[in-house]
Protein backbone atom coordinates (compact mmCIF):
# COMPACT_ATOMS: atom_id res chain seq x y z
CA MET A 1 12.33 14.42 4.98
CA ASP A 2 11.84 11.58 2.37
CA LEU A 3 10.07 8.25 3.14
CA LYS A 4 13.46 6.31 2.91
CA ARG A 5 15.15 8.53 5.63
CA LYS A 6 12.08 8.75 7.71
CA LEU A 7 11.87 5.08 8.04
CA ILE A 8 15.81 4.72 8.71
CA ALA A 9 15.49 7.56 11.54
CA GLY A 10 12.79 5.47 13.24
CA ASP A 11 10.26 7.86 12.83
CA PHE A 12 6.50 7.00 12.62
CA ALA A 13 5.69 7.45 8.78
CA ILE A 14 2.21 8.13 7.96
CA LEU A 15 1.20 6.98 4.66
CA ALA A 16 -1.98 7.48 2.51
CA GLU A 17 -3.66 5.65 -0.10
CA MET A 18 -4.60 8.13 -3.21
CA GLU A 19 -6.52 6.33 -5.85
CA PRO A 20 -6.00 7.70 -9.26
CA PRO A 21 -9.10 9.10 -11.24
CA LYS A 22 -11.21 7.12 -13.88
CA GLY A 23 -10.57 10.08 -16.22
CA ILE A 24 -8.25 12.79 -16.66
CA ASP A 25 -9.77 15.13 -14.22
CA VAL A 26 -6.93 15.15 -11.35
CA SER A 27 -8.01 18.11 -9.66
CA SER A 28 -9.99 16.24 -6.71
CA MET A 29 -6.94 13.82 -6.15
CA VAL A 30 -4.49 16.63 -6.15
CA ASN A 31 -6.49 18.86 -3.93
CA ASN A 32 -7.10 16.00 -1.32
CA ALA A 33 -3.51 15.43 -1.37
CA ALA A 34 -2.51 18.64 -0.66
CA LYS A 35 -5.02 19.11 2.26
CA VAL A 36 -2.77 16.36 4.21
CA LYS A 37 0.65 16.49 2.57
CA GLU A 38 2.08 18.04 5.71
CA ASN A 39 1.04 14.88 7.91
CA VAL A 40 1.66 12.56 5.24
CA ALA A 41 5.20 11.01 4.28
CA ALA A 42 4.09 9.77 0.79
CA PHE A 43 0.98 8.88 -0.87
CA VAL A 44 0.55 5.19 -1.99
CA VAL A 45 -0.81 4.96 -5.27
CA PRO A 46 -2.72 1.80 -6.28
CA GLU A 47 -2.33 0.26 -9.84
CA MET A 48 -5.85 -0.03 -10.67
CA SER A 49 -6.71 -1.81 -7.52
CA ASN A 50 -9.77 -4.63 -7.45
CA ALA A 51 -8.64 -4.72 -11.62
CA VAL A 52 -10.78 -1.56 -12.12
CA MET A 53 -9.52 0.64 -15.16
CA ARG A 54 -8.15 4.02 -14.09
CA MET A 55 -5.27 6.20 -14.62
CA SER A 56 -1.93 4.38 -14.14
CA SER A 57 -0.19 4.69 -10.73
CA LEU A 58 2.62 6.05 -13.00
CA GLY A 59 0.95 8.72 -14.27
CA ALA A 60 -0.90 9.82 -11.13
CA ALA A 61 2.41 9.35 -9.22
CA MET A 62 4.11 11.93 -11.54
CA LEU A 63 1.29 14.18 -10.95
CA LEU A 64 1.73 14.23 -7.18
CA ARG A 65 5.56 14.44 -7.78
CA GLN A 66 4.97 17.49 -10.00
CA ASN A 67 2.80 18.97 -7.06
CA ARG A 68 5.86 18.48 -4.63
CA MET A 69 4.40 15.50 -2.82
CA GLU A 70 6.19 12.22 -2.66
CA ALA A 71 4.52 9.09 -3.99
CA VAL A 72 4.69 5.47 -3.64
CA MET A 73 4.05 3.84 -7.03
CA GLN A 74 2.32 0.36 -7.37
CA VAL A 75 4.07 -2.01 -9.76
CA CYS A 76 1.66 -4.73 -10.68
CA CYS A 77 2.26 -8.27 -12.44
CA ARG A 78 -1.11 -8.36 -14.09
CA ASP A 79 -1.36 -5.78 -16.77
CA ARG A 80 2.17 -5.69 -18.19
CA ASN A 81 4.83 -7.78 -19.94
CA ARG A 82 8.64 -8.00 -18.63
CA ILE A 83 9.56 -5.05 -21.17
CA ALA A 84 6.84 -2.83 -20.11
CA LEU A 85 7.68 -3.15 -16.61
CA GLN A 86 11.35 -2.39 -16.87
CA ALA A 87 10.19 0.69 -19.17
CA ASP A 88 7.76 2.00 -16.29
CA LEU A 89 10.55 1.72 -13.62
CA LEU A 90 13.23 3.49 -15.66
CA ALA A 91 10.45 6.10 -16.41
CA ALA A 92 9.54 6.25 -12.73
CA SER A 93 12.86 6.92 -11.37
CA ALA A 94 13.64 9.39 -14.29
CA CYS A 95 10.86 11.57 -12.91
CA GLY A 96 11.80 11.62 -9.10
CA ILE A 97 9.60 8.50 -8.15
CA ASN A 98 12.01 6.46 -6.01
CA ASN A 99 9.42 4.70 -3.67
CA ILE A 100 7.36 1.45 -5.35
CA MET A 101 5.57 -0.98 -3.89
CA VAL A 102 5.11 -4.47 -5.96
CA VAL A 103 2.01 -6.21 -6.02
CA THR A 104 0.53 -9.10 -8.03
CA GLY A 105 -2.75 -7.68 -8.95
CA GLU A 106 -6.38 -9.05 -8.90
CA ASP A 107 -7.86 -11.16 -11.68
CA PRO A 108 -9.32 -8.91 -14.22
CA SER A 109 -12.89 -10.99 -13.36
CA PHE A 110 -13.17 -8.57 -9.88
CA GLY A 111 -13.11 -5.59 -12.23
CA ASP A 112 -15.11 -3.51 -14.66
CA HIS A 113 -13.18 -5.12 -17.64
CA HIS A 114 -14.19 -8.74 -17.45
CA GLN A 115 -12.76 -9.47 -20.87
CA ALA A 116 -9.34 -8.43 -20.49
CA ALA A 117 -6.36 -10.79 -20.57
CA SER A 118 -4.42 -11.22 -17.54
CA VAL A 119 -0.38 -10.76 -18.75
CA TYR A 120 1.56 -12.18 -15.83
CA ASP A 121 4.65 -12.46 -17.82
CA ILE A 122 6.52 -12.65 -14.64
CA ASN A 123 5.44 -13.52 -11.06
CA ILE A 124 5.96 -11.18 -8.10
CA ASP A 125 9.35 -12.93 -7.06
CA GLU A 126 10.87 -12.56 -10.62
CA LEU A 127 9.62 -9.04 -10.86
CA LEU A 128 11.75 -8.01 -7.57
CA LYS A 129 14.57 -9.83 -8.85
CA THR A 130 14.40 -7.62 -11.88
CA ILE A 131 14.35 -4.37 -9.97
CA GLN A 132 17.29 -5.57 -8.15
CA GLY A 133 18.98 -6.11 -11.52
CA LEU A 134 18.02 -2.87 -12.65
CA GLN A 135 19.51 -1.16 -9.86
CA LYS A 136 22.53 -2.72 -10.42
CA GLY A 137 22.61 -1.45 -13.84
CA LYS A 138 21.11 -3.91 -15.88
CA ASP A 139 18.14 -5.11 -17.70
CA MET A 140 16.60 -8.52 -17.86
CA ALA A 141 18.60 -9.25 -20.92
CA GLY A 142 21.87 -8.55 -19.15
CA ILE A 143 22.39 -5.45 -21.04
CA GLU A 144 24.07 -2.37 -19.60
CA LEU A 145 21.90 0.62 -18.66
CA SER A 146 22.56 4.00 -19.18
CA GLY A 147 22.20 5.12 -15.40
CA ALA A 148 20.65 2.95 -12.71
CA PRO A 149 17.50 3.63 -10.64
CA GLU A 150 17.58 3.54 -6.68
CA PHE A 151 14.10 2.68 -5.17
CA LEU A 152 12.84 2.04 -1.76
CA VAL A 153 11.10 -1.37 -2.35
CA GLY A 154 7.89 -2.53 -0.66
CA SER A 155 5.28 -5.20 -0.92
CA MET A 156 2.48 -6.84 0.78
CA ALA A 157 2.47 -9.20 3.95
CA ASN A 158 -0.53 -10.79 4.85
CA SER A 159 -0.22 -10.75 8.78
CA GLY A 160 -3.74 -12.23 9.34
CA LEU A 161 -3.01 -15.88 8.24
CA LYS A 162 -2.34 -18.69 10.78
CA GLY A 163 -0.61 -22.03 11.27
CA ASN A 164 1.09 -23.12 8.15
CA ALA A 165 -0.59 -20.87 5.80
CA LEU A 166 1.40 -17.93 8.21
CA ASP A 167 4.87 -20.12 8.01
CA GLN A 168 4.59 -19.86 4.12
CA GLU A 169 3.80 -16.10 4.18
CA ILE A 170 6.98 -15.46 6.01
CA ASP A 171 9.02 -17.84 3.90
CA SER A 172 7.69 -15.61 0.90
CA MET A 173 8.69 -12.47 2.84
CA ASN A 174 12.27 -13.44 3.42
CA ARG A 175 12.54 -14.24 -0.26
CA LYS A 176 11.33 -10.89 -0.83
CA ILE A 177 13.85 -9.27 1.85
CA ASP A 178 16.56 -11.27 0.06
CA VAL A 179 16.00 -9.34 -3.14
CA GLY A 180 15.61 -5.93 -1.57
CA VAL A 181 12.30 -5.21 -0.22
CA ARG A 182 12.29 -3.10 2.91
CA PHE A 183 8.90 -2.39 3.88
CA PHE A 184 5.57 -4.37 4.09
CA ILE A 185 2.07 -3.11 4.41
CA THR A 186 -0.39 -5.42 5.89
CA PRO A 187 -3.98 -5.85 5.52
CA PRO A 188 -6.62 -3.68 7.51
CA LEU A 189 -5.95 -4.08 11.28
CA PHE A 190 -8.70 -3.20 13.92
CA ASP A 191 -6.78 -5.50 16.49
CA VAL A 192 -2.97 -5.34 17.42
CA SER A 193 -3.16 -8.52 19.22
CA ALA A 194 -4.72 -10.17 15.94
CA ILE A 195 -1.17 -10.11 14.55
CA GLU A 196 0.55 -10.93 17.68
CA SER A 197 1.94 -14.54 16.03
CA PHE A 198 2.89 -12.72 12.89
CA MET A 199 5.00 -10.27 14.74
CA ASN A 200 6.70 -12.71 16.86
CA LYS A 201 7.82 -15.09 13.85
CA ILE A 202 9.31 -12.38 11.87
CA ASP A 203 12.87 -10.91 11.94
CA LYS A 204 12.26 -7.23 12.07
CA ASN A 205 15.88 -6.20 11.41
CA ASN A 206 16.21 -4.02 8.58
CA ILE A 207 12.46 -4.19 7.50
CA HIS A 208 9.60 -1.75 8.25
CA ILE A 209 6.11 -3.23 9.05
CA ILE A 210 3.08 -0.77 8.16
CA PRO A 211 -0.36 -2.05 9.22
CA THR A 212 -3.43 -0.75 7.28
CA VAL A 213 -5.99 1.45 8.76
CA ILE A 214 -9.10 1.08 6.66
CA LEU A 215 -11.83 3.82 7.12
CA LEU A 216 -15.12 2.04 7.49
CA LYS A 217 -17.85 3.72 6.13
CA SER A 218 -21.17 2.05 7.49
CA ILE A 219 -22.09 -0.79 9.88
CA GLY A 220 -22.61 -2.94 6.57
CA MET A 221 -19.12 -2.46 5.34
CA ALA A 222 -17.74 -3.80 9.00
CA ARG A 223 -20.12 -6.60 8.96
CA TYR A 224 -19.14 -7.53 5.49
CA ILE A 225 -15.46 -7.67 6.23
CA ASN A 226 -15.95 -9.83 9.15
CA GLN A 227 -18.06 -12.47 7.53
CA ASN A 228 -16.17 -12.59 4.10
CA MET A 229 -12.63 -11.71 4.90
CA ASN A 230 -10.80 -14.53 6.86
CA HIS A 231 -7.52 -12.68 7.57
CA ILE A 232 -9.35 -9.61 8.69
CA HIS A 233 -10.77 -9.37 12.24
CA ILE A 234 -12.88 -6.44 13.47
CA PRO A 235 -13.68 -7.21 17.12
CA ASP A 236 -17.35 -7.26 18.30
CA ASP A 237 -17.18 -4.40 20.50
CA LEU A 238 -16.18 -2.34 17.65
CA ILE A 239 -19.00 -2.95 15.58
CA LYS A 240 -21.53 -2.56 18.39
CA ARG A 241 -19.95 0.66 18.64
CA ILE A 242 -20.71 1.69 15.33
CA GLN A 243 -24.02 0.19 15.45
CA LYS A 244 -25.05 2.58 18.71
CA ALA A 245 -23.51 5.75 17.23
CA PRO A 246 -25.93 8.40 16.18
CA GLU A 247 -23.64 9.44 13.50
CA LYS A 248 -22.34 6.47 12.24
CA ALA A 249 -19.96 8.00 9.57
CA ARG A 250 -18.43 10.40 12.14
CA GLU A 251 -17.85 7.40 14.36
CA CYS A 252 -16.14 5.55 11.68
CA VAL A 253 -13.91 8.40 11.19
CA ARG A 254 -13.00 8.53 14.83
CA ILE A 255 -12.16 4.82 15.17
CA ALA A 256 -9.76 5.23 12.22
CA SER A 257 -7.99 8.04 14.22
CA GLU A 258 -7.93 6.11 17.33
CA LEU A 259 -6.38 3.02 15.22
CA ILE A 260 -3.76 5.37 14.07
CA ALA A 261 -2.91 6.54 17.37
CA GLY A 262 -2.81 3.05 18.80
CA ILE A 263 -0.53 1.85 15.98
CA LYS A 264 1.89 4.47 16.69
CA ALA A 265 1.97 3.77 20.56
CA GLU A 266 2.55 -0.09 19.83
CA GLY A 267 5.74 0.82 18.27
CA PHE A 268 5.17 0.16 14.86
CA ASP A 269 7.24 1.81 11.99
CA GLY A 270 4.38 3.43 10.19
CA VAL A 271 0.72 3.28 9.22
CA LEU A 272 -1.23 3.04 5.73
CA LEU A 273 -4.54 5.10 6.01
CA SER A 274 -7.13 3.90 3.32
CA PRO A 275 -9.91 5.95 2.80
CA VAL A 276 -11.80 3.93 0.43
CA GLY A 277 -13.16 6.80 -1.76
CA TRP A 278 -13.59 8.93 1.13
CA GLU A 279 -10.39 10.96 0.44
CA HIS A 280 -11.85 14.09 1.76
CA LYS A 281 -12.02 12.51 5.15
CA MET A 282 -8.59 12.21 5.65
CA SER A 283 -7.79 15.52 7.15
CA GLU A 284 -10.34 15.04 9.73
CA ILE A 285 -8.93 11.54 10.57
CA LEU A 286 -5.08 12.62 10.74
CA ASP A 287 -6.01 15.78 12.65
CA ALA A 288 -7.70 13.87 15.41
CA ALA A 289 -4.97 11.40 15.01
């Protein structure tokens, strides 16, 4: 069953983040994905996350598709103008990639090519309207297409915001829903109660909320997230649990498994597992979950 039908059917959909390689050796990416493909509905392929140059999301998604695995291709406003974005979307659809996730993209100053110029020819709302137009059979210039794509479209939603910032985020979500977004991926979630306000304010009809579970790799990583990322909360008890564990990496794997199981039990539509470079640990996490 493909991702779209799985979500419509109300089945819990496990997504897994799969970073493309920095180079042309795709063996590790393909092998790690193949090990968990029976438990994963689709692999989310980031488009040069943190502005670090890697193989494109389109290229990596095509390779996964060639190996009979479903992919969610990220489409990023940062690196391409409106012509190139439309061209990539048409290419993706022609290659059987029917799931896309639209993101703004981090500034190049965060990445490894600090002198790179950001493009941002169109913003995320304009890109979503462009995708809607392509699906109706016309490009941004109003010229008719020879065959129109059909996508399941997703985006991000910052569920950890509070007060006016949260209201503005929900307004942004509603604009995205109006132009065809059907699933939203949240930032890493360690405590379901932390997004209770968000869940109470959104209209859950016709959309799917998919929290992220990130694999913590150390006590230092957990502390850094808690101290520097205001919209992500890691409970103190969880940090103490990692600190006391004799095998901290194994404990982090166990925590990720428990979080996935807990998110499913809470009735969410799915989960995104983000292994943060430890793709080889995904099978252990998913088997336990």
